[in-house]
Amino acid sequence: MAVLMLAALAAGCAPFQPVVTPSPAGGGVADAGTQLVGRAMAQLGVAYHYGGASPAQGFDCSGLVFYVYGQQGIAVPRTAAQQFAAARPVREGDLRPGDLVFFRLAGPGGEVSHVGIYTGQDRFVHAPQSGRRVGEASLSEEFYRARLAGYGRFAAASEPHRAAR
């Protein structure tokens, strides 16, 4: 009985691991987005580290995107501004899990300086700033809504990529 209780307690302390169902043969974009979101969610709680691009080192915002997409075999540029310039633009109504959300933290005239991975239902995963950890936020929060620069998508490895902006 004590062993069962210890096993139950240990399982309760395990980090969150989203369930990603295997894609059917010839899986589609939705499957790729689900896998990207699962990989991003697996990084919740990892420390922010400027210039970081791995769970061991920590992440900055674009390093998180670089890592998560890289784990899916999708090459993306390293900085938020470069990712914004290279991503295919997406309209808000066409936003899908795994797409990127871009922000101009210095204000409307500034350069794109922050990026997150859209998870669905108006939420995104990002590495916010020094002293914080990878977490989730809402696009409806006034801070992010006021600084939103746009949305972007990188083609899966099997889709042709066309540069945007």
N, C-alpha and C. Protein backbone atom coordinates (compact mmCIF):
# COMPACT_ATOMS: atom_id res chain seq x y z
N MET A 1 0.81 -1.19 0.00
CA MET A 1 0.00 0.00 0.00
C MET A 1 0.86 1.26 0.00
N ALA A 2 1.90 1.27 0.84
CA ALA A 2 2.79 2.43 0.91
C ALA A 2 3.49 2.66 -0.43
N VAL A 3 3.86 1.58 -1.11
CA VAL A 3 4.51 1.68 -2.41
C VAL A 3 3.57 2.33 -3.42
N LEU A 4 2.29 1.95 -3.41
CA LEU A 4 1.30 2.54 -4.31
C LEU A 4 1.12 4.02 -4.04
N MET A 5 1.12 4.40 -2.76
CA MET A 5 0.97 5.81 -2.42
C MET A 5 2.18 6.61 -2.87
N LEU A 6 3.38 6.07 -2.69
CA LEU A 6 4.59 6.75 -3.15
C LEU A 6 4.59 6.90 -4.67
N ALA A 7 4.16 5.86 -5.38
CA ALA A 7 4.11 5.93 -6.84
C ALA A 7 3.11 6.99 -7.28
N ALA A 8 1.98 7.10 -6.61
CA ALA A 8 0.97 8.10 -6.95
C ALA A 8 1.51 9.51 -6.70
N LEU A 9 2.21 9.70 -5.58
CA LEU A 9 2.80 11.01 -5.29
C LEU A 9 3.87 11.38 -6.31
N ALA A 10 4.70 10.43 -6.66
CA ALA A 10 5.76 10.70 -7.64
C ALA A 10 5.16 11.07 -8.99
N ALA A 11 4.10 10.38 -9.38
CA ALA A 11 3.45 10.69 -10.66
C ALA A 11 2.86 12.08 -10.64
N GLY A 12 2.37 12.52 -9.48
CA GLY A 12 1.80 13.85 -9.37
C GLY A 12 2.83 14.94 -9.50
N CYS A 13 4.10 14.64 -9.26
CA CYS A 13 5.17 15.62 -9.35
C CYS A 13 5.82 15.64 -10.73
N ALA A 14 5.44 14.73 -11.59
CA ALA A 14 6.05 14.68 -12.92
C ALA A 14 5.67 15.92 -13.69
N PRO A 15 6.60 16.46 -14.53
CA PRO A 15 6.27 17.63 -15.32
C PRO A 15 5.15 17.33 -16.31
N PHE A 16 4.40 18.38 -16.65
CA PHE A 16 3.31 18.25 -17.60
C PHE A 16 3.84 17.75 -18.93
N GLN A 17 3.24 16.73 -19.47
CA GLN A 17 3.58 16.21 -20.79
C GLN A 17 2.30 16.13 -21.60
N PRO A 18 2.11 17.04 -22.56
CA PRO A 18 0.87 17.00 -23.33
C PRO A 18 0.79 15.72 -24.13
N VAL A 19 -0.42 15.25 -24.33
CA VAL A 19 -0.64 14.05 -25.12
C VAL A 19 -0.69 14.45 -26.58
N VAL A 20 0.21 13.88 -27.36
CA VAL A 20 0.23 14.14 -28.80
C VAL A 20 -0.09 12.83 -29.47
N THR A 21 -1.22 12.79 -30.15
CA THR A 21 -1.60 11.55 -30.81
C THR A 21 -0.84 11.41 -32.11
N PRO A 22 -0.46 10.18 -32.46
CA PRO A 22 0.27 10.01 -33.70
C PRO A 22 -0.60 10.42 -34.88
N SER A 23 0.05 11.03 -35.88
CA SER A 23 -0.71 11.46 -37.04
C SER A 23 -0.93 10.29 -37.99
N PRO A 24 -2.06 10.32 -38.69
CA PRO A 24 -2.30 9.26 -39.65
C PRO A 24 -1.31 9.36 -40.80
N ALA A 25 -1.21 8.31 -41.59
CA ALA A 25 -0.29 8.33 -42.73
C ALA A 25 -0.58 9.56 -43.56
N GLY A 26 0.49 10.28 -43.91
CA GLY A 26 0.32 11.49 -44.69
C GLY A 26 -0.28 12.62 -43.87
N GLY A 27 0.06 12.69 -42.56
CA GLY A 27 -0.49 13.69 -41.66
C GLY A 27 -0.41 15.09 -42.24
N GLY A 28 -1.22 15.99 -41.72
CA GLY A 28 -1.32 17.32 -42.30
C GLY A 28 -0.77 18.40 -41.42
N VAL A 29 -1.09 19.64 -41.80
CA VAL A 29 -0.59 20.81 -41.09
C VAL A 29 -1.09 20.83 -39.66
N ALA A 30 -2.34 20.44 -39.43
CA ALA A 30 -2.88 20.43 -38.07
C ALA A 30 -2.04 19.52 -37.17
N ASP A 31 -1.59 18.39 -37.70
CA ASP A 31 -0.77 17.48 -36.92
C ASP A 31 0.56 18.14 -36.57
N ALA A 32 1.17 18.83 -37.54
CA ALA A 32 2.43 19.53 -37.29
C ALA A 32 2.23 20.61 -36.23
N GLY A 33 1.13 21.34 -36.31
CA GLY A 33 0.85 22.38 -35.32
C GLY A 33 0.66 21.80 -33.94
N THR A 34 -0.04 20.68 -33.84
CA THR A 34 -0.25 20.01 -32.56
C THR A 34 1.08 19.58 -31.97
N GLN A 35 1.97 19.07 -32.80
CA GLN A 35 3.27 18.64 -32.32
C GLN A 35 4.12 19.83 -31.88
N LEU A 36 4.06 20.94 -32.62
CA LEU A 36 4.79 22.14 -32.22
C LEU A 36 4.30 22.65 -30.87
N VAL A 37 2.99 22.69 -30.71
CA VAL A 37 2.42 23.15 -29.43
C VAL A 37 2.82 22.21 -28.30
N GLY A 38 2.79 20.90 -28.54
CA GLY A 38 3.20 19.95 -27.51
C GLY A 38 4.64 20.17 -27.09
N ARG A 39 5.51 20.40 -28.05
CA ARG A 39 6.93 20.65 -27.73
C ARG A 39 7.10 21.97 -26.98
N ALA A 40 6.33 22.98 -27.37
CA ALA A 40 6.40 24.27 -26.68
C ALA A 40 5.90 24.14 -25.25
N MET A 41 4.77 23.47 -25.07
CA MET A 41 4.19 23.29 -23.73
C MET A 41 5.12 22.48 -22.83
N ALA A 42 5.90 21.60 -23.40
CA ALA A 42 6.85 20.80 -22.62
C ALA A 42 7.95 21.68 -22.03
N GLN A 43 8.10 22.90 -22.53
CA GLN A 43 9.15 23.81 -22.03
C GLN A 43 8.63 24.77 -20.96
N LEU A 44 7.35 24.69 -20.62
CA LEU A 44 6.81 25.56 -19.57
C LEU A 44 7.64 25.41 -18.31
N GLY A 45 8.01 26.53 -17.73
CA GLY A 45 8.78 26.51 -16.50
C GLY A 45 10.28 26.61 -16.69
N VAL A 46 10.77 26.45 -17.92
CA VAL A 46 12.21 26.60 -18.17
C VAL A 46 12.58 28.07 -17.99
N ALA A 47 13.72 28.33 -17.38
CA ALA A 47 14.15 29.69 -17.07
C ALA A 47 14.43 30.50 -18.34
N TYR A 48 14.18 31.80 -18.25
CA TYR A 48 14.56 32.73 -19.31
C TYR A 48 16.07 32.91 -19.26
N HIS A 49 16.68 32.93 -20.43
CA HIS A 49 18.11 33.22 -20.53
C HIS A 49 18.35 33.93 -21.85
N TYR A 50 18.82 35.18 -21.78
CA TYR A 50 19.06 35.95 -23.00
C TYR A 50 20.04 35.20 -23.90
N GLY A 51 19.65 34.98 -25.14
CA GLY A 51 20.49 34.25 -26.09
C GLY A 51 20.34 32.74 -25.98
N GLY A 52 19.53 32.26 -25.04
CA GLY A 52 19.38 30.83 -24.81
C GLY A 52 18.47 30.17 -25.82
N ALA A 53 18.84 28.94 -26.20
CA ALA A 53 18.05 28.21 -27.20
C ALA A 53 17.99 26.72 -26.90
N SER A 54 18.00 26.36 -25.60
CA SER A 54 17.87 24.95 -25.23
C SER A 54 17.30 24.86 -23.81
N PRO A 55 16.66 23.73 -23.50
CA PRO A 55 16.12 23.58 -22.14
C PRO A 55 17.21 23.63 -21.07
N ALA A 56 18.39 23.11 -21.37
CA ALA A 56 19.47 23.09 -20.39
C ALA A 56 20.01 24.50 -20.15
N GLN A 57 20.08 25.29 -21.19
CA GLN A 57 20.64 26.64 -21.10
C GLN A 57 19.58 27.65 -20.67
N GLY A 58 18.33 27.40 -21.02
CA GLY A 58 17.25 28.37 -20.86
C GLY A 58 16.94 28.97 -22.22
N PHE A 59 15.89 29.77 -22.28
CA PHE A 59 15.43 30.32 -23.55
C PHE A 59 15.20 31.81 -23.48
N ASP A 60 15.48 32.49 -24.60
CA ASP A 60 14.86 33.78 -24.82
C ASP A 60 13.71 33.50 -25.79
N CYS A 61 12.92 34.50 -26.13
CA CYS A 61 11.70 34.23 -26.90
C CYS A 61 11.97 33.58 -28.24
N SER A 62 12.90 34.12 -29.01
CA SER A 62 13.17 33.55 -30.33
C SER A 62 13.95 32.24 -30.23
N GLY A 63 14.72 32.07 -29.15
CA GLY A 63 15.41 30.81 -28.93
C GLY A 63 14.45 29.68 -28.67
N LEU A 64 13.34 29.97 -28.00
CA LEU A 64 12.29 28.98 -27.77
C LEU A 64 11.70 28.54 -29.11
N VAL A 65 11.38 29.49 -29.97
CA VAL A 65 10.83 29.18 -31.30
C VAL A 65 11.87 28.39 -32.11
N PHE A 66 13.11 28.85 -32.10
CA PHE A 66 14.19 28.19 -32.83
C PHE A 66 14.32 26.72 -32.40
N TYR A 67 14.27 26.49 -31.09
CA TYR A 67 14.39 25.13 -30.54
C TYR A 67 13.18 24.27 -30.90
N VAL A 68 11.98 24.76 -30.62
CA VAL A 68 10.76 23.98 -30.85
C VAL A 68 10.61 23.63 -32.32
N TYR A 69 10.78 24.59 -33.19
CA TYR A 69 10.68 24.31 -34.62
C TYR A 69 11.80 23.39 -35.08
N GLY A 70 13.00 23.59 -34.56
CA GLY A 70 14.12 22.72 -34.91
C GLY A 70 13.88 21.28 -34.53
N GLN A 71 13.21 21.06 -33.38
CA GLN A 71 12.87 19.70 -32.96
C GLN A 71 11.92 19.02 -33.93
N GLN A 72 11.20 19.81 -34.70
CA GLN A 72 10.27 19.29 -35.72
C GLN A 72 10.93 19.25 -37.10
N GLY A 73 12.22 19.59 -37.17
CA GLY A 73 12.92 19.58 -38.45
C GLY A 73 12.62 20.78 -39.33
N ILE A 74 12.15 21.86 -38.73
CA ILE A 74 11.82 23.08 -39.47
C ILE A 74 12.84 24.15 -39.10
N ALA A 75 13.62 24.57 -40.08
CA ALA A 75 14.64 25.59 -39.84
C ALA A 75 14.00 26.97 -39.85
N VAL A 76 14.27 27.74 -38.81
CA VAL A 76 13.80 29.12 -38.74
C VAL A 76 14.98 30.01 -38.36
N PRO A 77 14.93 31.29 -38.72
CA PRO A 77 16.00 32.21 -38.30
C PRO A 77 16.06 32.30 -36.78
N ARG A 78 17.09 32.94 -36.26
CA ARG A 78 17.33 32.94 -34.82
C ARG A 78 16.64 34.06 -34.04
N THR A 79 16.50 35.26 -34.61
CA THR A 79 15.93 36.36 -33.84
C THR A 79 14.46 36.58 -34.18
N ALA A 80 13.75 37.25 -33.27
CA ALA A 80 12.33 37.54 -33.50
C ALA A 80 12.13 38.37 -34.76
N ALA A 81 12.96 39.38 -34.98
CA ALA A 81 12.83 40.22 -36.18
C ALA A 81 13.06 39.41 -37.45
N GLN A 82 14.07 38.53 -37.43
CA GLN A 82 14.34 37.69 -38.60
C GLN A 82 13.21 36.69 -38.82
N GLN A 83 12.66 36.14 -37.75
CA GLN A 83 11.55 35.20 -37.87
C GLN A 83 10.33 35.90 -38.46
N PHE A 84 10.07 37.12 -38.03
CA PHE A 84 8.95 37.89 -38.55
C PHE A 84 9.13 38.16 -40.05
N ALA A 85 10.34 38.53 -40.44
CA ALA A 85 10.61 38.83 -41.85
C ALA A 85 10.49 37.59 -42.73
N ALA A 86 10.83 36.42 -42.20
CA ALA A 86 10.85 35.20 -43.01
C ALA A 86 9.54 34.42 -42.99
N ALA A 87 8.71 34.65 -42.00
CA ALA A 87 7.46 33.88 -41.87
C ALA A 87 6.44 34.31 -42.92
N ARG A 88 5.62 33.38 -43.33
CA ARG A 88 4.51 33.69 -44.23
C ARG A 88 3.42 34.35 -43.37
N PRO A 89 2.95 35.55 -43.76
CA PRO A 89 1.92 36.23 -42.97
C PRO A 89 0.63 35.41 -42.89
N VAL A 90 -0.03 35.51 -41.74
CA VAL A 90 -1.29 34.81 -41.50
C VAL A 90 -2.28 35.84 -40.96
N ARG A 91 -3.50 35.81 -41.46
CA ARG A 91 -4.56 36.67 -40.91
C ARG A 91 -5.04 36.09 -39.58
N GLU A 92 -5.52 36.96 -38.71
CA GLU A 92 -5.96 36.51 -37.39
C GLU A 92 -7.00 35.40 -37.48
N GLY A 93 -7.92 35.51 -38.42
CA GLY A 93 -8.96 34.50 -38.57
C GLY A 93 -8.44 33.15 -39.05
N ASP A 94 -7.23 33.13 -39.61
CA ASP A 94 -6.64 31.89 -40.11
C ASP A 94 -5.59 31.31 -39.17
N LEU A 95 -5.43 31.91 -38.01
CA LEU A 95 -4.43 31.50 -37.04
C LEU A 95 -4.69 30.07 -36.58
N ARG A 96 -3.62 29.25 -36.58
CA ARG A 96 -3.71 27.85 -36.15
C ARG A 96 -2.66 27.57 -35.08
N PRO A 97 -2.91 26.58 -34.23
CA PRO A 97 -1.88 26.20 -33.26
C PRO A 97 -0.55 25.91 -33.96
N GLY A 98 0.51 26.41 -33.38
CA GLY A 98 1.85 26.25 -33.94
C GLY A 98 2.30 27.47 -34.72
N ASP A 99 1.38 28.36 -35.09
CA ASP A 99 1.76 29.61 -35.76
C ASP A 99 2.47 30.51 -34.76
N LEU A 100 3.10 31.54 -35.28
CA LEU A 100 3.84 32.46 -34.42
C LEU A 100 3.09 33.77 -34.26
N VAL A 101 3.21 34.37 -33.09
CA VAL A 101 2.65 35.69 -32.81
C VAL A 101 3.82 36.62 -32.51
N PHE A 102 3.80 37.78 -33.16
CA PHE A 102 4.92 38.72 -33.08
C PHE A 102 4.49 40.02 -32.44
N PHE A 103 5.42 40.64 -31.69
CA PHE A 103 5.13 41.86 -30.97
C PHE A 103 6.25 42.87 -31.15
N ARG A 104 5.85 44.16 -31.09
CA ARG A 104 6.80 45.28 -31.06
C ARG A 104 6.73 45.82 -29.63
N LEU A 105 7.63 45.37 -28.78
CA LEU A 105 7.56 45.74 -27.37
C LEU A 105 7.86 47.21 -27.14
N ALA A 106 8.62 47.85 -28.04
CA ALA A 106 8.94 49.26 -27.88
C ALA A 106 7.80 50.16 -28.36
N GLY A 107 6.78 49.57 -28.95
CA GLY A 107 5.66 50.37 -29.43
C GLY A 107 5.45 50.20 -30.92
N PRO A 108 4.42 50.84 -31.47
CA PRO A 108 4.02 50.64 -32.86
C PRO A 108 5.11 50.90 -33.89
N GLY A 109 6.00 51.85 -33.65
CA GLY A 109 7.03 52.17 -34.64
C GLY A 109 8.30 51.35 -34.49
N GLY A 110 8.37 50.55 -33.46
CA GLY A 110 9.59 49.81 -33.18
C GLY A 110 9.73 48.54 -34.00
N GLU A 111 10.90 47.95 -33.89
CA GLU A 111 11.19 46.68 -34.56
C GLU A 111 10.49 45.53 -33.81
N VAL A 112 10.16 44.49 -34.53
CA VAL A 112 9.62 43.30 -33.87
C VAL A 112 10.70 42.76 -32.94
N SER A 113 10.34 42.61 -31.67
CA SER A 113 11.33 42.21 -30.68
C SER A 113 10.88 41.07 -29.78
N HIS A 114 9.68 40.53 -30.04
CA HIS A 114 9.20 39.44 -29.20
C HIS A 114 8.34 38.51 -30.04
N VAL A 115 8.40 37.21 -29.71
CA VAL A 115 7.65 36.20 -30.46
C VAL A 115 7.17 35.12 -29.50
N GLY A 116 6.04 34.54 -29.82
CA GLY A 116 5.50 33.42 -29.07
C GLY A 116 4.88 32.41 -30.02
N ILE A 117 4.56 31.24 -29.51
CA ILE A 117 3.97 30.16 -30.30
C ILE A 117 2.50 30.04 -29.91
N TYR A 118 1.62 30.25 -30.88
CA TYR A 118 0.18 30.22 -30.65
C TYR A 118 -0.25 28.80 -30.30
N THR A 119 -1.04 28.67 -29.22
CA THR A 119 -1.47 27.35 -28.77
C THR A 119 -2.95 27.11 -29.02
N GLY A 120 -3.67 28.14 -29.44
CA GLY A 120 -5.11 28.03 -29.64
C GLY A 120 -5.85 28.79 -28.56
N GLN A 121 -7.12 29.05 -28.79
CA GLN A 121 -7.99 29.73 -27.83
C GLN A 121 -7.39 31.03 -27.30
N ASP A 122 -6.79 31.81 -28.23
CA ASP A 122 -6.28 33.14 -27.90
C ASP A 122 -5.05 33.12 -26.98
N ARG A 123 -4.33 31.99 -26.89
CA ARG A 123 -3.20 31.88 -25.98
C ARG A 123 -1.91 31.55 -26.74
N PHE A 124 -0.79 31.87 -26.12
CA PHE A 124 0.52 31.56 -26.71
C PHE A 124 1.53 31.26 -25.62
N VAL A 125 2.55 30.48 -26.00
CA VAL A 125 3.67 30.15 -25.11
C VAL A 125 4.83 31.05 -25.52
N HIS A 126 5.52 31.58 -24.52
CA HIS A 126 6.68 32.45 -24.80
C HIS A 126 7.64 32.47 -23.62
N ALA A 127 8.85 32.96 -23.90
CA ALA A 127 9.85 33.19 -22.87
C ALA A 127 9.84 34.70 -22.64
N PRO A 128 9.19 35.17 -21.57
CA PRO A 128 8.87 36.59 -21.45
C PRO A 128 10.03 37.55 -21.20
N GLN A 129 10.84 37.33 -20.21
CA GLN A 129 11.90 38.29 -19.89
C GLN A 129 12.79 37.73 -18.79
N SER A 130 13.90 38.42 -18.57
CA SER A 130 14.84 38.01 -17.54
C SER A 130 14.14 37.92 -16.19
N GLY A 131 14.47 36.88 -15.44
CA GLY A 131 13.89 36.67 -14.12
C GLY A 131 12.57 35.91 -14.16
N ARG A 132 12.08 35.59 -15.35
CA ARG A 132 10.82 34.85 -15.47
C ARG A 132 11.09 33.52 -16.16
N ARG A 133 10.05 32.76 -16.34
CA ARG A 133 10.16 31.43 -16.96
C ARG A 133 9.23 31.33 -18.15
N VAL A 134 9.50 30.34 -19.00
CA VAL A 134 8.62 30.10 -20.14
C VAL A 134 7.22 29.88 -19.58
N GLY A 135 6.26 30.57 -20.17
CA GLY A 135 4.90 30.49 -19.68
C GLY A 135 3.90 30.76 -20.79
N GLU A 136 2.64 30.77 -20.42
CA GLU A 136 1.56 31.05 -21.35
C GLU A 136 0.99 32.43 -21.06
N ALA A 137 0.50 33.08 -22.10
CA ALA A 137 -0.15 34.37 -21.96
C ALA A 137 -1.32 34.42 -22.94
N SER A 138 -2.12 35.45 -22.81
CA SER A 138 -3.30 35.61 -23.66
C SER A 138 -3.12 36.79 -24.61
N LEU A 139 -3.53 36.60 -25.84
CA LEU A 139 -3.50 37.69 -26.81
C LEU A 139 -4.51 38.78 -26.45
N SER A 140 -5.45 38.48 -25.61
CA SER A 140 -6.44 39.49 -25.22
C SER A 140 -5.94 40.40 -24.09
N GLU A 141 -4.79 40.06 -23.49
CA GLU A 141 -4.21 40.96 -22.47
C GLU A 141 -3.85 42.27 -23.15
N GLU A 142 -4.21 43.37 -22.54
CA GLU A 142 -3.99 44.70 -23.14
C GLU A 142 -2.53 44.93 -23.51
N PHE A 143 -1.60 44.50 -22.65
CA PHE A 143 -0.18 44.69 -22.94
C PHE A 143 0.19 44.09 -24.29
N TYR A 144 -0.23 42.85 -24.54
CA TYR A 144 0.13 42.18 -25.79
C TYR A 144 -0.71 42.68 -26.96
N ARG A 145 -1.98 42.94 -26.75
CA ARG A 145 -2.86 43.42 -27.82
C ARG A 145 -2.33 44.75 -28.38
N ALA A 146 -1.87 45.64 -27.50
CA ALA A 146 -1.38 46.96 -27.92
C ALA A 146 -0.06 46.86 -28.68
N ARG A 147 0.68 45.80 -28.51
CA ARG A 147 2.00 45.67 -29.13
C ARG A 147 2.05 44.61 -30.24
N LEU A 148 0.90 44.04 -30.58
CA LEU A 148 0.84 42.98 -31.59
C LEU A 148 1.30 43.51 -32.95
N ALA A 149 2.26 42.81 -33.56
CA ALA A 149 2.77 43.19 -34.88
C ALA A 149 2.16 42.32 -35.97
N GLY A 150 1.77 41.11 -35.65
CA GLY A 150 1.18 40.23 -36.64
C GLY A 150 1.41 38.78 -36.32
N TYR A 151 0.98 37.94 -37.27
CA TYR A 151 1.06 36.49 -37.12
C TYR A 151 1.81 35.92 -38.30
N GLY A 152 2.51 34.81 -38.08
CA GLY A 152 3.25 34.19 -39.17
C GLY A 152 3.28 32.69 -39.06
N ARG A 153 3.64 32.08 -40.18
CA ARG A 153 3.68 30.62 -40.26
C ARG A 153 4.91 30.21 -41.06
N PHE A 154 5.55 29.16 -40.59
CA PHE A 154 6.63 28.53 -41.35
C PHE A 154 6.09 27.24 -41.90
N ALA A 155 6.36 26.99 -43.16
CA ALA A 155 5.89 25.77 -43.81
C ALA A 155 6.56 24.56 -43.17
N ALA A 156 5.79 23.47 -43.09
CA ALA A 156 6.37 22.21 -42.64
C ALA A 156 7.41 21.79 -43.67
N ALA A 157 8.28 20.90 -43.30
CA ALA A 157 9.38 20.49 -44.18
C ALA A 157 8.91 20.06 -45.56
N SER A 158 7.70 19.50 -45.67
CA SER A 158 7.21 19.01 -46.96
C SER A 158 6.52 20.09 -47.79
N GLU A 159 6.26 21.25 -47.20
CA GLU A 159 5.60 22.32 -47.94
C GLU A 159 6.63 23.30 -48.46
N PRO A 160 6.39 23.90 -49.63
CA PRO A 160 7.33 24.91 -50.12
C PRO A 160 7.26 26.15 -49.24
N HIS A 161 8.38 26.79 -49.02
CA HIS A 161 8.43 28.00 -48.19
C HIS A 161 8.59 29.20 -49.11
N ARG A 162 7.81 30.22 -48.85
CA ARG A 162 8.00 31.46 -49.58
C ARG A 162 8.18 32.57 -48.56
N ALA A 163 9.18 33.38 -48.78
CA ALA A 163 9.49 34.46 -47.84
C ALA A 163 8.37 35.49 -47.89
N ALA A 164 8.20 36.20 -46.79
CA ALA A 164 7.18 37.23 -46.70
C ALA A 164 7.79 38.53 -46.20
N ARG A 165 7.06 39.59 -46.43
CA ARG A 165 7.43 40.94 -45.96
C ARG A 165 8.77 41.35 -46.47
